[in-house]
Amino acid sequence: MLSNLSIKNYALIDNLNVSFTEGFTIITGETGAGKSILLGGLSLVLGKRADLSALRDKDQKCIIEAEFEIKKYKLQSFFNLNDLDYEDLTIVRREILPSGKSRAFINDTPITLDILSQLGNQLIDVHSQHQTLQLGDNDFQIKLIDALAENR
């Protein structure tokens, strides 16, 4: 579960901190309210490719950090396989440097975008209008039911 999201120097955002409560989260608002910017930042911290146009101030790095409570996700094997330190409260960070380079970290360990994307796919399912939904995937449904039932 995503518990906190911090975005610095991304698009129109100078500095933003959002806390999420347990359960289903919906982001709604009028056109131009910033929903796409918020989701764009979240997508970057989940492994989407970055580009310099995302930087608000081209001379400063962009930092997006998300805290996930992952105890119920059964991800220890993923962390072991990728030689990462497992923590029930996992911190995922993405930095986009003014030079155009991008760095990603899980619990302060440098990782590739591929590993970040693999983890991101297991942490959050973003549903937008006209997109394919992960809820139709049988494996995802079983993992979701197991997580809700707290089956270990």
N, C-alpha and C. Protein backbone atom coordinates (compact mmCIF):
# COMPACT_ATOMS: atom_id res chain seq x y z
N MET A 1 0.84 -1.17 0.00
CA MET A 1 0.00 0.00 0.00
C MET A 1 0.89 1.24 0.00
N LEU A 2 0.60 2.16 -0.87
CA LEU A 2 1.30 3.44 -0.90
C LEU A 2 0.86 4.26 0.31
N SER A 3 1.80 4.66 1.15
CA SER A 3 1.43 5.44 2.33
C SER A 3 1.80 6.91 2.18
N ASN A 4 2.91 7.21 1.50
CA ASN A 4 3.32 8.60 1.30
C ASN A 4 3.97 8.76 -0.06
N LEU A 5 3.77 9.93 -0.64
CA LEU A 5 4.40 10.28 -1.92
C LEU A 5 4.94 11.69 -1.79
N SER A 6 6.21 11.85 -2.13
CA SER A 6 6.86 13.15 -2.09
C SER A 6 7.41 13.45 -3.49
N ILE A 7 7.08 14.63 -4.01
CA ILE A 7 7.53 15.03 -5.35
C ILE A 7 8.19 16.39 -5.24
N LYS A 8 9.40 16.51 -5.80
CA LYS A 8 10.14 17.78 -5.80
C LYS A 8 10.64 18.08 -7.20
N ASN A 9 10.36 19.29 -7.66
CA ASN A 9 10.86 19.79 -8.93
C ASN A 9 10.38 18.95 -10.12
N TYR A 10 9.10 18.68 -10.16
CA TYR A 10 8.52 17.90 -11.27
C TYR A 10 7.38 18.70 -11.90
N ALA A 11 7.47 18.90 -13.21
CA ALA A 11 6.45 19.63 -13.98
C ALA A 11 6.14 20.97 -13.29
N LEU A 12 4.92 21.18 -12.85
CA LEU A 12 4.55 22.42 -12.18
C LEU A 12 4.75 22.36 -10.67
N ILE A 13 5.16 21.21 -10.17
CA ILE A 13 5.27 21.00 -8.72
C ILE A 13 6.66 21.39 -8.23
N ASP A 14 6.69 22.33 -7.28
CA ASP A 14 7.94 22.67 -6.61
C ASP A 14 8.22 21.65 -5.52
N ASN A 15 7.25 21.43 -4.63
CA ASN A 15 7.39 20.49 -3.53
C ASN A 15 5.99 20.05 -3.10
N LEU A 16 5.75 18.75 -3.10
CA LEU A 16 4.44 18.21 -2.75
C LEU A 16 4.61 16.95 -1.91
N ASN A 17 3.83 16.84 -0.85
CA ASN A 17 3.79 15.63 -0.03
C ASN A 17 2.34 15.21 0.10
N VAL A 18 2.06 13.95 -0.21
CA VAL A 18 0.71 13.42 -0.12
C VAL A 18 0.75 12.16 0.73
N SER A 19 -0.17 12.07 1.70
CA SER A 19 -0.30 10.86 2.52
C SER A 19 -1.57 10.14 2.10
N PHE A 20 -1.49 8.83 2.01
CA PHE A 20 -2.63 8.03 1.62
C PHE A 20 -3.04 7.15 2.79
N THR A 21 -4.34 6.94 2.92
CA THR A 21 -4.83 6.03 3.96
C THR A 21 -5.06 4.67 3.34
N GLU A 22 -5.21 3.67 4.18
CA GLU A 22 -5.40 2.31 3.71
C GLU A 22 -6.71 2.20 2.94
N GLY A 23 -6.66 1.41 1.87
CA GLY A 23 -7.87 1.17 1.09
C GLY A 23 -7.78 1.73 -0.32
N PHE A 24 -8.90 1.80 -0.93
CA PHE A 24 -9.06 2.22 -2.31
C PHE A 24 -8.87 3.74 -2.42
N THR A 25 -8.02 4.19 -3.34
CA THR A 25 -7.79 5.62 -3.53
C THR A 25 -8.19 6.02 -4.93
N ILE A 26 -8.94 7.09 -5.01
CA ILE A 26 -9.36 7.65 -6.30
C ILE A 26 -8.89 9.09 -6.36
N ILE A 27 -8.30 9.47 -7.48
CA ILE A 27 -7.88 10.85 -7.69
C ILE A 27 -8.80 11.44 -8.73
N THR A 28 -9.56 12.45 -8.33
CA THR A 28 -10.51 13.09 -9.24
C THR A 28 -10.29 14.59 -9.20
N GLY A 29 -10.87 15.28 -10.13
CA GLY A 29 -10.79 16.74 -10.13
C GLY A 29 -11.12 17.30 -11.49
N GLU A 30 -11.26 18.60 -11.53
CA GLU A 30 -11.56 19.31 -12.76
C GLU A 30 -10.39 19.20 -13.73
N THR A 31 -10.65 19.46 -14.98
CA THR A 31 -9.59 19.54 -15.98
C THR A 31 -8.61 20.61 -15.55
N GLY A 32 -7.33 20.27 -15.58
CA GLY A 32 -6.30 21.23 -15.20
C GLY A 32 -5.98 21.26 -13.72
N ALA A 33 -6.58 20.38 -12.94
CA ALA A 33 -6.36 20.37 -11.49
C ALA A 33 -5.01 19.75 -11.11
N GLY A 34 -4.38 19.00 -12.01
CA GLY A 34 -3.07 18.41 -11.73
C GLY A 34 -3.07 16.91 -11.55
N LYS A 35 -4.18 16.25 -11.87
CA LYS A 35 -4.25 14.79 -11.73
C LYS A 35 -3.17 14.10 -12.55
N SER A 36 -3.02 14.51 -13.78
CA SER A 36 -2.04 13.88 -14.68
C SER A 36 -0.61 14.12 -14.20
N ILE A 37 -0.34 15.28 -13.63
CA ILE A 37 0.99 15.57 -13.12
C ILE A 37 1.29 14.66 -11.93
N LEU A 38 0.34 14.52 -11.02
CA LEU A 38 0.51 13.65 -9.87
C LEU A 38 0.74 12.20 -10.32
N LEU A 39 -0.07 11.73 -11.25
CA LEU A 39 0.08 10.36 -11.75
C LEU A 39 1.37 10.20 -12.56
N GLY A 40 1.80 11.25 -13.24
CA GLY A 40 3.07 11.20 -13.96
C GLY A 40 4.24 11.02 -13.01
N GLY A 41 4.21 11.75 -11.89
CA GLY A 41 5.25 11.59 -10.88
C GLY A 41 5.23 10.19 -10.29
N LEU A 42 4.05 9.70 -9.99
CA LEU A 42 3.92 8.34 -9.46
C LEU A 42 4.43 7.32 -10.47
N SER A 43 4.14 7.53 -11.74
CA SER A 43 4.62 6.61 -12.78
C SER A 43 6.15 6.58 -12.85
N LEU A 44 6.78 7.73 -12.65
CA LEU A 44 8.24 7.78 -12.67
C LEU A 44 8.84 6.96 -11.53
N VAL A 45 8.25 7.06 -10.35
CA VAL A 45 8.79 6.32 -9.21
C VAL A 45 8.48 4.83 -9.32
N LEU A 46 7.60 4.46 -10.24
CA LEU A 46 7.27 3.05 -10.48
C LEU A 46 8.01 2.48 -11.70
N GLY A 47 8.88 3.28 -12.33
CA GLY A 47 9.73 2.74 -13.38
C GLY A 47 9.55 3.28 -14.77
N LYS A 48 8.66 4.24 -14.96
CA LYS A 48 8.47 4.82 -16.30
C LYS A 48 9.73 5.59 -16.70
N ARG A 49 10.03 5.59 -17.97
CA ARG A 49 11.19 6.33 -18.48
C ARG A 49 10.98 7.83 -18.28
N ALA A 50 12.07 8.50 -17.94
CA ALA A 50 12.02 9.93 -17.67
C ALA A 50 12.58 10.72 -18.83
N ASP A 51 12.22 11.99 -18.87
CA ASP A 51 12.83 12.88 -19.84
C ASP A 51 12.96 14.26 -19.20
N LEU A 52 13.92 15.03 -19.68
CA LEU A 52 14.24 16.32 -19.06
C LEU A 52 13.07 17.29 -19.03
N SER A 53 12.10 17.10 -19.89
CA SER A 53 10.96 18.02 -19.89
C SER A 53 10.17 17.91 -18.59
N ALA A 54 10.41 16.86 -17.81
CA ALA A 54 9.71 16.69 -16.54
C ALA A 54 10.25 17.62 -15.46
N LEU A 55 11.45 18.16 -15.64
CA LEU A 55 12.05 19.03 -14.63
C LEU A 55 11.38 20.40 -14.62
N ARG A 56 10.97 20.82 -13.45
CA ARG A 56 10.39 22.17 -13.30
C ARG A 56 11.49 23.21 -13.48
N ASP A 57 12.55 23.07 -12.69
CA ASP A 57 13.74 23.91 -12.77
C ASP A 57 14.84 23.06 -13.39
N LYS A 58 15.24 23.38 -14.59
CA LYS A 58 16.19 22.56 -15.34
C LYS A 58 17.58 22.50 -14.70
N ASP A 59 17.85 23.36 -13.71
CA ASP A 59 19.14 23.37 -13.03
C ASP A 59 19.14 22.55 -11.74
N GLN A 60 17.98 22.04 -11.34
CA GLN A 60 17.85 21.26 -10.11
C GLN A 60 17.40 19.84 -10.46
N LYS A 61 17.77 18.88 -9.60
CA LYS A 61 17.30 17.52 -9.86
C LYS A 61 15.87 17.37 -9.35
N CYS A 62 15.17 16.46 -9.97
CA CYS A 62 13.81 16.09 -9.58
C CYS A 62 13.93 14.84 -8.70
N ILE A 63 13.24 14.86 -7.57
CA ILE A 63 13.25 13.71 -6.67
C ILE A 63 11.81 13.31 -6.39
N ILE A 64 11.53 12.04 -6.65
CA ILE A 64 10.21 11.50 -6.33
C ILE A 64 10.43 10.30 -5.43
N GLU A 65 9.79 10.33 -4.28
CA GLU A 65 9.98 9.27 -3.30
C GLU A 65 8.62 8.77 -2.84
N ALA A 66 8.50 7.45 -2.76
CA ALA A 66 7.25 6.84 -2.32
C ALA A 66 7.54 5.81 -1.23
N GLU A 67 6.71 5.82 -0.21
CA GLU A 67 6.81 4.84 0.87
C GLU A 67 5.67 3.84 0.70
N PHE A 68 6.02 2.57 0.74
CA PHE A 68 5.04 1.50 0.59
C PHE A 68 5.08 0.58 1.79
N GLU A 69 3.92 0.27 2.33
CA GLU A 69 3.81 -0.76 3.35
C GLU A 69 3.56 -2.07 2.61
N ILE A 70 4.56 -2.96 2.59
CA ILE A 70 4.50 -4.13 1.71
C ILE A 70 4.44 -5.46 2.44
N LYS A 71 4.24 -5.42 3.73
CA LYS A 71 4.25 -6.66 4.52
C LYS A 71 3.30 -7.72 3.95
N LYS A 72 2.13 -7.32 3.49
CA LYS A 72 1.11 -8.25 3.01
C LYS A 72 1.31 -8.69 1.55
N TYR A 73 2.31 -8.15 0.89
CA TYR A 73 2.50 -8.41 -0.54
C TYR A 73 3.31 -9.66 -0.86
N LYS A 74 3.93 -10.26 0.13
CA LYS A 74 4.75 -11.46 -0.09
C LYS A 74 5.85 -11.22 -1.13
N LEU A 75 6.64 -10.22 -0.89
CA LEU A 75 7.68 -9.84 -1.85
C LEU A 75 9.10 -10.19 -1.41
N GLN A 76 9.24 -10.94 -0.33
CA GLN A 76 10.57 -11.30 0.15
C GLN A 76 11.39 -11.99 -0.92
N SER A 77 10.78 -12.89 -1.68
CA SER A 77 11.53 -13.60 -2.73
C SER A 77 12.00 -12.64 -3.83
N PHE A 78 11.18 -11.64 -4.17
CA PHE A 78 11.59 -10.64 -5.16
C PHE A 78 12.81 -9.88 -4.65
N PHE A 79 12.78 -9.49 -3.39
CA PHE A 79 13.91 -8.75 -2.80
C PHE A 79 15.15 -9.63 -2.75
N ASN A 80 15.00 -10.89 -2.36
CA ASN A 80 16.13 -11.82 -2.31
C ASN A 80 16.72 -12.04 -3.70
N LEU A 81 15.86 -12.27 -4.68
CA LEU A 81 16.29 -12.51 -6.05
C LEU A 81 17.09 -11.34 -6.61
N ASN A 82 16.72 -10.13 -6.21
CA ASN A 82 17.38 -8.93 -6.73
C ASN A 82 18.40 -8.34 -5.76
N ASP A 83 18.77 -9.12 -4.74
CA ASP A 83 19.78 -8.73 -3.77
C ASP A 83 19.47 -7.37 -3.13
N LEU A 84 18.21 -7.21 -2.68
CA LEU A 84 17.75 -5.98 -2.05
C LEU A 84 17.42 -6.24 -0.59
N ASP A 85 17.60 -5.22 0.24
CA ASP A 85 17.21 -5.31 1.64
C ASP A 85 15.70 -5.20 1.74
N TYR A 86 15.07 -6.20 2.35
CA TYR A 86 13.62 -6.18 2.52
C TYR A 86 13.26 -5.40 3.78
N GLU A 87 12.31 -4.52 3.66
CA GLU A 87 11.76 -3.78 4.80
C GLU A 87 10.24 -3.75 4.63
N ASP A 88 9.50 -3.94 5.73
CA ASP A 88 8.03 -3.86 5.65
C ASP A 88 7.59 -2.49 5.14
N LEU A 89 8.30 -1.44 5.53
CA LEU A 89 8.07 -0.10 5.00
C LEU A 89 9.20 0.17 4.02
N THR A 90 8.93 -0.02 2.75
CA THR A 90 9.93 0.11 1.70
C THR A 90 9.86 1.49 1.08
N ILE A 91 11.04 2.08 0.86
CA ILE A 91 11.12 3.40 0.25
C ILE A 91 11.70 3.27 -1.15
N VAL A 92 10.96 3.77 -2.12
CA VAL A 92 11.38 3.76 -3.51
C VAL A 92 11.63 5.22 -3.91
N ARG A 93 12.81 5.47 -4.49
CA ARG A 93 13.16 6.84 -4.86
C ARG A 93 13.66 6.88 -6.30
N ARG A 94 13.29 7.94 -6.97
CA ARG A 94 13.73 8.17 -8.34
C ARG A 94 14.27 9.58 -8.42
N GLU A 95 15.42 9.74 -9.02
CA GLU A 95 16.04 11.04 -9.21
C GLU A 95 16.29 11.26 -10.69
N ILE A 96 15.93 12.43 -11.17
CA ILE A 96 16.23 12.82 -12.55
C ILE A 96 17.16 14.02 -12.45
N LEU A 97 18.36 13.83 -12.94
CA LEU A 97 19.39 14.86 -12.83
C LEU A 97 19.30 15.85 -13.99
N PRO A 98 19.75 17.09 -13.79
CA PRO A 98 19.73 18.08 -14.87
C PRO A 98 20.49 17.63 -16.12
N SER A 99 21.45 16.74 -15.95
CA SER A 99 22.22 16.22 -17.09
C SER A 99 21.39 15.29 -17.97
N GLY A 100 20.22 14.88 -17.46
CA GLY A 100 19.37 13.95 -18.21
C GLY A 100 19.46 12.53 -17.69
N LYS A 101 20.43 12.27 -16.84
CA LYS A 101 20.57 10.93 -16.26
C LYS A 101 19.49 10.72 -15.20
N SER A 102 19.16 9.47 -15.02
CA SER A 102 18.14 9.09 -14.04
C SER A 102 18.72 8.01 -13.14
N ARG A 103 18.38 8.09 -11.85
CA ARG A 103 18.80 7.07 -10.90
C ARG A 103 17.59 6.58 -10.15
N ALA A 104 17.62 5.29 -9.76
CA ALA A 104 16.52 4.71 -9.02
C ALA A 104 17.07 3.92 -7.84
N PHE A 105 16.30 3.91 -6.74
CA PHE A 105 16.74 3.25 -5.52
C PHE A 105 15.56 2.56 -4.85
N ILE A 106 15.83 1.41 -4.26
CA ILE A 106 14.87 0.74 -3.38
C ILE A 106 15.59 0.58 -2.04
N ASN A 107 15.03 1.18 -1.00
CA ASN A 107 15.65 1.18 0.32
C ASN A 107 17.12 1.59 0.25
N ASP A 108 17.38 2.64 -0.51
CA ASP A 108 18.71 3.25 -0.70
C ASP A 108 19.70 2.38 -1.47
N THR A 109 19.25 1.28 -2.06
CA THR A 109 20.12 0.46 -2.92
C THR A 109 19.87 0.85 -4.38
N PRO A 110 20.91 1.22 -5.12
CA PRO A 110 20.73 1.56 -6.53
C PRO A 110 20.21 0.35 -7.32
N ILE A 111 19.26 0.59 -8.20
CA ILE A 111 18.65 -0.47 -9.00
C ILE A 111 18.47 0.01 -10.44
N THR A 112 18.17 -0.95 -11.32
CA THR A 112 17.88 -0.61 -12.71
C THR A 112 16.40 -0.26 -12.86
N LEU A 113 16.07 0.40 -13.95
CA LEU A 113 14.66 0.72 -14.21
C LEU A 113 13.83 -0.55 -14.41
N ASP A 114 14.47 -1.59 -14.94
CA ASP A 114 13.76 -2.85 -15.13
C ASP A 114 13.31 -3.43 -13.79
N ILE A 115 14.19 -3.45 -12.81
CA ILE A 115 13.83 -3.96 -11.49
C ILE A 115 12.77 -3.07 -10.86
N LEU A 116 12.94 -1.75 -10.99
CA LEU A 116 11.95 -0.82 -10.46
C LEU A 116 10.58 -1.05 -11.09
N SER A 117 10.57 -1.24 -12.37
CA SER A 117 9.30 -1.48 -13.07
C SER A 117 8.66 -2.80 -12.63
N GLN A 118 9.47 -3.83 -12.45
CA GLN A 118 8.94 -5.11 -11.97
C GLN A 118 8.30 -4.96 -10.60
N LEU A 119 8.97 -4.25 -9.71
CA LEU A 119 8.40 -4.03 -8.38
C LEU A 119 7.16 -3.15 -8.46
N GLY A 120 7.25 -2.08 -9.24
CA GLY A 120 6.12 -1.17 -9.40
C GLY A 120 4.86 -1.86 -9.88
N ASN A 121 5.02 -2.82 -10.79
CA ASN A 121 3.87 -3.58 -11.29
C ASN A 121 3.19 -4.40 -10.20
N GLN A 122 3.93 -4.74 -9.16
CA GLN A 122 3.37 -5.53 -8.07
C GLN A 122 2.81 -4.66 -6.94
N LEU A 123 3.13 -3.37 -6.95
CA LEU A 123 2.73 -2.50 -5.86
C LEU A 123 1.46 -1.71 -6.13
N ILE A 124 1.34 -1.18 -7.33
CA ILE A 124 0.21 -0.30 -7.64
C ILE A 124 -0.36 -0.65 -9.01
N ASP A 125 -1.65 -0.58 -9.09
CA ASP A 125 -2.35 -0.78 -10.35
C ASP A 125 -3.11 0.51 -10.65
N VAL A 126 -2.59 1.31 -11.57
CA VAL A 126 -3.22 2.58 -11.92
C VAL A 126 -4.22 2.33 -13.04
N HIS A 127 -5.43 2.75 -12.80
CA HIS A 127 -6.49 2.60 -13.79
C HIS A 127 -6.89 3.97 -14.29
N SER A 128 -6.70 4.17 -15.58
CA SER A 128 -7.11 5.42 -16.20
C SER A 128 -8.15 5.10 -17.26
N GLN A 129 -8.86 6.10 -17.63
CA GLN A 129 -9.90 5.93 -18.62
C GLN A 129 -9.31 5.30 -19.89
N HIS A 130 -9.97 4.29 -20.42
CA HIS A 130 -9.62 3.62 -21.68
C HIS A 130 -8.35 2.79 -21.62
N GLN A 131 -7.87 2.39 -20.43
CA GLN A 131 -6.69 1.56 -20.33
C GLN A 131 -7.08 0.15 -19.91
N THR A 132 -6.22 -0.81 -20.27
CA THR A 132 -6.43 -2.19 -19.87
C THR A 132 -6.29 -2.29 -18.36
N LEU A 133 -7.16 -3.04 -17.72
CA LEU A 133 -7.15 -3.17 -16.27
C LEU A 133 -6.48 -4.46 -15.83
N GLN A 134 -5.62 -4.36 -14.84
CA GLN A 134 -4.94 -5.53 -14.30
C GLN A 134 -5.91 -6.42 -13.53
N LEU A 135 -7.04 -5.88 -13.14
CA LEU A 135 -8.02 -6.67 -12.39
C LEU A 135 -8.52 -7.89 -13.16
N GLY A 136 -8.39 -7.88 -14.46
CA GLY A 136 -8.82 -9.02 -15.28
C GLY A 136 -7.82 -10.17 -15.30
N ASP A 137 -6.62 -9.95 -14.76
CA ASP A 137 -5.57 -10.96 -14.75
C ASP A 137 -5.78 -11.93 -13.58
N ASN A 138 -5.88 -13.24 -13.88
CA ASN A 138 -6.15 -14.24 -12.85
C ASN A 138 -5.09 -14.26 -11.75
N ASP A 139 -3.81 -14.18 -12.11
CA ASP A 139 -2.75 -14.19 -11.10
C ASP A 139 -2.88 -12.98 -10.17
N PHE A 140 -3.20 -11.82 -10.74
CA PHE A 140 -3.38 -10.63 -9.93
C PHE A 140 -4.56 -10.80 -8.98
N GLN A 141 -5.65 -11.38 -9.46
CA GLN A 141 -6.84 -11.58 -8.62
C GLN A 141 -6.51 -12.47 -7.42
N ILE A 142 -5.77 -13.54 -7.66
CA ILE A 142 -5.42 -14.47 -6.58
C ILE A 142 -4.51 -13.78 -5.57
N LYS A 143 -3.51 -13.02 -6.04
CA LYS A 143 -2.62 -12.29 -5.14
C LYS A 143 -3.40 -11.27 -4.32
N LEU A 144 -4.34 -10.61 -4.96
CA LEU A 144 -5.15 -9.60 -4.28
C LEU A 144 -6.01 -10.24 -3.19
N ILE A 145 -6.64 -11.36 -3.51
CA ILE A 145 -7.48 -12.06 -2.52
C ILE A 145 -6.62 -12.57 -1.38
N ASP A 146 -5.44 -13.13 -1.68
CA ASP A 146 -4.53 -13.60 -0.63
C ASP A 146 -4.09 -12.44 0.27
N ALA A 147 -3.78 -11.29 -0.33
CA ALA A 147 -3.35 -10.14 0.46
C ALA A 147 -4.47 -9.65 1.37
N LEU A 148 -5.67 -9.57 0.83
CA LEU A 148 -6.81 -9.13 1.64
C LEU A 148 -7.15 -10.11 2.77
N ALA A 149 -6.96 -11.41 2.49
CA ALA A 149 -7.26 -12.44 3.50
C ALA A 149 -6.07 -12.66 4.45
N GLU A 150 -4.98 -11.93 4.16
CA GLU A 150 -3.75 -12.04 4.95
C GLU A 150 -3.22 -13.47 4.97
N ASN A 151 -3.36 -14.18 3.85
CA ASN A 151 -2.76 -15.52 3.70
C ASN A 151 -1.27 -15.35 3.47
N ARG A 152 -0.50 -16.12 4.15
CA ARG A 152 0.96 -15.98 4.04
C ARG A 152 1.53 -17.13 3.28
